[in-house]
Amino acid sequence: MAFYQLTKTQKLPVSIHEIWDFISAPANLKEITPPHMGFIVTSNTGTEKMYPGMIITYKVSPLLGIKLNWMTEITHVKEGEYFVDEQRIGPYSLWHHQHKIEPIDGGVLMTDIVTYEPPMGPLGAIANSLLIKNQLKQIFDFRTVALEKKFGKFI
């Protein structure tokens, strides 16, 4: 069993309130996900903010355009500070994603910590080395650019 972790930080010139309103609304996920992934929220979350126990379902095409169902549960929320989503159904054996925000001079520091385990044991470890870790990095690189376009670049 091989576990991996990706940590990504980003500074944005916004208030905690502004960024929290954006990242805690499931409907905004599509805006920060690369278009080639065909990401669609399929659960009826409306304009609700995330809360502990919230179930969010998606369709996503992470590889070769193959559509997969993905279900996450929001397991922890501390308003204006962090939330955690954990996969319940999806492509990983384990997916635990912490979204943290904290005030800094001139804006906020966002930190994403993703702990994951690919499926298929040793084959998953090989797939991680060849594909998965790079794909996750590309997704978060896309998010960095998308958030800078929306909120501006931190100077």
C-alpha atoms as a PDB file:
ATOM      1  CA  MET A   1       0.000   0.000   0.000  1.00  0.00           C
ATOM      2  CA  ALA A   2       1.571   3.275  -1.111  1.00  0.00           C
ATOM      3  CA  PHE A   3       0.234   6.624   0.068  1.00  0.00           C
ATOM      4  CA  TYR A   4       1.208   9.922  -1.504  1.00  0.00           C
ATOM      5  CA  GLN A   5       0.767  13.536  -0.595  1.00  0.00           C
ATOM      6  CA  LEU A   6       0.604  16.694  -2.682  1.00  0.00           C
ATOM      7  CA  THR A   7       0.840  20.092  -0.978  1.00  0.00           C
ATOM      8  CA  LYS A   8       0.140  23.268  -2.915  1.00  0.00           C
ATOM      9  CA  THR A   9       0.156  26.832  -1.586  1.00  0.00           C
ATOM     10  CA  GLN A  10      -1.030  30.030  -3.205  1.00  0.00           C
ATOM     11  CA  LYS A  11      -1.227  33.646  -2.085  1.00  0.00           C
ATOM     12  CA  LEU A  12      -4.143  35.736  -3.293  1.00  0.00           C
ATOM     13  CA  PRO A  13      -4.888  39.450  -2.794  1.00  0.00           C
ATOM     14  CA  VAL A  14      -8.371  38.933  -1.329  1.00  0.00           C
ATOM     15  CA  SER A  15     -10.071  38.835   2.039  1.00  0.00           C
ATOM     16  CA  ILE A  16     -10.766  35.624   3.933  1.00  0.00           C
ATOM     17  CA  HIS A  17     -14.477  36.299   3.430  1.00  0.00           C
ATOM     18  CA  GLU A  18     -14.143  36.625  -0.378  1.00  0.00           C
ATOM     19  CA  ILE A  19     -12.118  33.456  -0.864  1.00  0.00           C
ATOM     20  CA  TRP A  20     -14.188  31.450   1.628  1.00  0.00           C
ATOM     21  CA  ASP A  21     -17.409  32.383  -0.186  1.00  0.00           C
ATOM     22  CA  PHE A  22     -15.877  31.123  -3.413  1.00  0.00           C
ATOM     23  CA  ILE A  23     -14.143  27.896  -2.314  1.00  0.00           C
ATOM     24  CA  SER A  24     -16.929  26.740   0.014  1.00  0.00           C
ATOM     25  CA  ALA A  25     -19.542  26.728  -2.779  1.00  0.00           C
ATOM     26  CA  PRO A  26     -19.517  23.396  -4.673  1.00  0.00           C
ATOM     27  CA  ALA A  27     -20.917  25.060  -7.801  1.00  0.00           C
ATOM     28  CA  ASN A  28     -17.583  26.912  -8.209  1.00  0.00           C
ATOM     29  CA  LEU A  29     -15.514  23.721  -8.527  1.00  0.00           C
ATOM     30  CA  LYS A  30     -16.046  23.535 -12.286  1.00  0.00           C
ATOM     31  CA  GLU A  31     -14.543  27.027 -12.683  1.00  0.00           C
ATOM     32  CA  ILE A  32     -11.198  25.881 -11.242  1.00  0.00           C
ATOM     33  CA  THR A  33     -11.023  22.446 -12.895  1.00  0.00           C
ATOM     34  CA  PRO A  34      -9.354  21.992 -16.309  1.00  0.00           C
ATOM     35  CA  PRO A  35     -12.000  21.807 -19.067  1.00  0.00           C
ATOM     36  CA  HIS A  36     -10.512  18.605 -20.563  1.00  0.00           C
ATOM     37  CA  MET A  37     -11.592  16.764 -17.395  1.00  0.00           C
ATOM     38  CA  GLY A  38     -15.281  17.211 -18.266  1.00  0.00           C
ATOM     39  CA  PHE A  39     -16.064  18.002 -14.623  1.00  0.00           C
ATOM     40  CA  ILE A  40     -19.779  18.202 -13.796  1.00  0.00           C
ATOM     41  CA  VAL A  41     -21.352  18.450 -10.332  1.00  0.00           C
ATOM     42  CA  THR A  42     -24.318  16.056 -10.449  1.00  0.00           C
ATOM     43  CA  SER A  43     -25.696  16.448  -6.937  1.00  0.00           C
ATOM     44  CA  ASN A  44     -28.221  19.144  -6.168  1.00  0.00           C
ATOM     45  CA  THR A  45     -26.065  21.436  -4.028  1.00  0.00           C
ATOM     46  CA  GLY A  46     -27.680  24.624  -5.316  1.00  0.00           C
ATOM     47  CA  THR A  47     -25.905  27.652  -3.892  1.00  0.00           C
ATOM     48  CA  GLU A  48     -25.383  26.065  -0.491  1.00  0.00           C
ATOM     49  CA  LYS A  49     -22.106  26.463   1.316  1.00  0.00           C
ATOM     50  CA  MET A  50     -20.314  23.312   2.398  1.00  0.00           C
ATOM     51  CA  TYR A  51     -21.187  21.802   5.741  1.00  0.00           C
ATOM     52  CA  PRO A  52     -20.035  18.652   7.579  1.00  0.00           C
ATOM     53  CA  GLY A  53     -21.817  15.638   6.146  1.00  0.00           C
ATOM     54  CA  MET A  54     -22.549  17.259   2.773  1.00  0.00           C
ATOM     55  CA  ILE A  55     -22.333  14.714  -0.052  1.00  0.00           C
ATOM     56  CA  ILE A  56     -21.246  16.024  -3.454  1.00  0.00           C
ATOM     57  CA  THR A  57     -21.367  13.873  -6.579  1.00  0.00           C
ATOM     58  CA  TYR A  58     -19.550  14.536  -9.845  1.00  0.00           C
ATOM     59  CA  LYS A  59     -18.805  13.112 -13.228  1.00  0.00           C
ATOM     60  CA  VAL A  60     -15.192  13.531 -14.243  1.00  0.00           C
ATOM     61  CA  SER A  61     -12.977  12.241 -17.060  1.00  0.00           C
ATOM     62  CA  PRO A  62      -9.465  12.075 -15.631  1.00  0.00           C
ATOM     63  CA  LEU A  63      -8.087   9.676 -18.254  1.00  0.00           C
ATOM     64  CA  LEU A  64      -8.760   9.164 -21.960  1.00  0.00           C
ATOM     65  CA  GLY A  65     -12.166  10.853 -21.761  1.00  0.00           C
ATOM     66  CA  ILE A  66     -13.608   7.955 -19.746  1.00  0.00           C
ATOM     67  CA  LYS A  67     -16.424   9.297 -17.537  1.00  0.00           C
ATOM     68  CA  LEU A  68     -16.231   8.272 -13.885  1.00  0.00           C
ATOM     69  CA  ASN A  69     -18.596   8.862 -11.005  1.00  0.00           C
ATOM     70  CA  TRP A  70     -17.021  10.479  -7.972  1.00  0.00           C
ATOM     71  CA  MET A  71     -18.632  11.097  -4.591  1.00  0.00           C
ATOM     72  CA  THR A  72     -17.049  13.110  -1.800  1.00  0.00           C
ATOM     73  CA  GLU A  73     -18.218  13.892   1.696  1.00  0.00           C
ATOM     74  CA  ILE A  74     -17.347  17.143   3.413  1.00  0.00           C
ATOM     75  CA  THR A  75     -16.139  15.750   6.736  1.00  0.00           C
ATOM     76  CA  HIS A  76     -14.852  18.855   8.539  1.00  0.00           C
ATOM     77  CA  VAL A  77     -15.591  22.566   8.228  1.00  0.00           C
ATOM     78  CA  LYS A  78     -14.327  25.494  10.252  1.00  0.00           C
ATOM     79  CA  GLU A  79     -15.903  28.600   8.732  1.00  0.00           C
ATOM     80  CA  GLY A  80     -13.325  30.893   7.170  1.00  0.00           C
ATOM     81  CA  GLU A  81     -10.418  28.558   8.004  1.00  0.00           C
ATOM     82  CA  TYR A  82     -10.653  25.114   6.413  1.00  0.00           C
ATOM     83  CA  PHE A  83     -12.727  22.245   5.139  1.00  0.00           C
ATOM     84  CA  VAL A  84     -11.915  18.635   4.299  1.00  0.00           C
ATOM     85  CA  ASP A  85     -13.378  16.506   1.548  1.00  0.00           C
ATOM     86  CA  GLU A  86     -12.973  12.740   1.486  1.00  0.00           C
ATOM     87  CA  GLN A  87     -13.793  10.442  -1.410  1.00  0.00           C
ATOM     88  CA  ARG A  88     -16.562   7.940  -0.747  1.00  0.00           C
ATOM     89  CA  ILE A  89     -16.827   6.575  -4.318  1.00  0.00           C
ATOM     90  CA  GLY A  90     -14.309   7.253  -7.052  1.00  0.00           C
ATOM     91  CA  PRO A  91     -11.039   6.433  -8.743  1.00  0.00           C
ATOM     92  CA  TYR A  92      -8.790   6.375  -5.661  1.00  0.00           C
ATOM     93  CA  SER A  93      -8.453   3.832  -2.866  1.00  0.00           C
ATOM     94  CA  LEU A  94      -8.036   6.856  -0.551  1.00  0.00           C
ATOM     95  CA  TRP A  95      -8.596  10.578  -1.127  1.00  0.00           C
ATOM     96  CA  HIS A  96      -8.384  13.104   1.701  1.00  0.00           C
ATOM     97  CA  HIS A  97      -8.180  16.775   0.679  1.00  0.00           C
ATOM     98  CA  GLN A  98      -7.644  19.591   3.176  1.00  0.00           C
ATOM     99  CA  HIS A  99      -8.414  23.140   1.995  1.00  0.00           C
ATOM    100  CA  LYS A 100      -6.948  25.709   4.400  1.00  0.00           C
ATOM    101  CA  ILE A 101      -6.948  29.502   4.250  1.00  0.00           C
ATOM    102  CA  GLU A 102      -5.272  31.990   6.553  1.00  0.00           C
ATOM    103  CA  PRO A 103      -4.863  35.750   6.521  1.00  0.00           C
ATOM    104  CA  ILE A 104      -1.486  37.225   5.569  1.00  0.00           C
ATOM    105  CA  ASP A 105      -0.398  40.793   4.885  1.00  0.00           C
ATOM    106  CA  GLY A 106      -2.109  41.848   1.676  1.00  0.00           C
ATOM    107  CA  GLY A 107      -4.411  38.844   1.316  1.00  0.00           C
ATOM    108  CA  VAL A 108      -4.705  35.167   2.101  1.00  0.00           C
ATOM    109  CA  LEU A 109      -2.550  32.070   1.961  1.00  0.00           C
ATOM    110  CA  MET A 110      -4.389  29.038   0.609  1.00  0.00           C
ATOM    111  CA  THR A 111      -2.960  25.597   1.300  1.00  0.00           C
ATOM    112  CA  ASP A 112      -4.243  22.392  -0.281  1.00  0.00           C
ATOM    113  CA  ILE A 113      -3.008  19.105   1.135  1.00  0.00           C
ATOM    114  CA  VAL A 114      -4.103  16.009  -0.773  1.00  0.00           C
ATOM    115  CA  THR A 115      -3.319  12.603   0.684  1.00  0.00           C
ATOM    116  CA  TYR A 116      -4.187   9.813  -1.721  1.00  0.00           C
ATOM    117  CA  GLU A 117      -3.666   6.181  -2.566  1.00  0.00           C
ATOM    118  CA  PRO A 118      -4.089   5.043  -6.167  1.00  0.00           C
ATOM    119  CA  PRO A 119      -6.056   1.846  -6.774  1.00  0.00           C
ATOM    120  CA  MET A 120      -4.509  -1.496  -7.778  1.00  0.00           C
ATOM    121  CA  GLY A 121      -1.665  -1.751  -5.253  1.00  0.00           C
ATOM    122  CA  PRO A 122       1.756  -2.028  -6.958  1.00  0.00           C
ATOM    123  CA  LEU A 123       0.256  -1.181 -10.365  1.00  0.00           C
ATOM    124  CA  GLY A 124      -1.217   1.976  -8.817  1.00  0.00           C
ATOM    125  CA  ALA A 125       2.214   2.936  -7.492  1.00  0.00           C
ATOM    126  CA  ILE A 126       3.623   2.619 -11.018  1.00  0.00           C
ATOM    127  CA  ALA A 127       0.672   4.598 -12.432  1.00  0.00           C
ATOM    128  CA  ASN A 128       1.333   7.288  -9.828  1.00  0.00           C
ATOM    129  CA  SER A 129       4.963   7.600 -10.900  1.00  0.00           C
ATOM    130  CA  LEU A 130       4.099   7.682 -14.595  1.00  0.00           C
ATOM    131  CA  LEU A 131       0.836   9.612 -14.653  1.00  0.00           C
ATOM    132  CA  ILE A 132      -1.220  10.363 -11.547  1.00  0.00           C
ATOM    133  CA  LYS A 133       1.139  12.647  -9.599  1.00  0.00           C
ATOM    134  CA  ASN A 134       1.823  14.722 -12.725  1.00  0.00           C
ATOM    135  CA  GLN A 135      -1.879  14.950 -13.542  1.00  0.00           C
ATOM    136  CA  LEU A 136      -2.680  16.145 -10.006  1.00  0.00           C
ATOM    137  CA  LYS A 137       0.087  18.729 -10.233  1.00  0.00           C
ATOM    138  CA  GLN A 138      -1.356  19.963 -13.553  1.00  0.00           C
ATOM    139  CA  ILE A 139      -4.838  20.249 -12.031  1.00  0.00           C
ATOM    140  CA  PHE A 140      -3.534  22.375  -9.166  1.00  0.00           C
ATOM    141  CA  ASP A 141      -1.394  24.440 -11.555  1.00  0.00           C
ATOM    142  CA  PHE A 142      -4.589  25.126 -13.528  1.00  0.00           C
ATOM    143  CA  ARG A 143      -6.347  26.147 -10.299  1.00  0.00           C
ATOM    144  CA  THR A 144      -3.537  28.567  -9.484  1.00  0.00           C
ATOM    145  CA  VAL A 145      -3.982  30.320 -12.822  1.00  0.00           C
ATOM    146  CA  ALA A 146      -7.801  30.248 -12.651  1.00  0.00           C
ATOM    147  CA  LEU A 147      -7.814  31.774  -9.157  1.00  0.00           C
ATOM    148  CA  GLU A 148      -5.310  34.463 -10.203  1.00  0.00           C
ATOM    149  CA  LYS A 149      -7.524  35.348 -13.173  1.00  0.00           C
ATOM    150  CA  LYS A 150     -10.539  35.617 -10.900  1.00  0.00           C
ATOM    151  CA  PHE A 151      -8.992  37.389  -7.900  1.00  0.00           C
ATOM    152  CA  GLY A 152      -5.740  38.902  -9.182  1.00  0.00           C
ATOM    153  CA  LYS A 153      -2.107  38.096  -8.649  1.00  0.00           C
ATOM    154  CA  PHE A 154      -0.506  38.511  -5.241  1.00  0.00           C
ATOM    155  CA  ILE A 155       2.251  41.104  -5.291  1.00  0.00           C
END
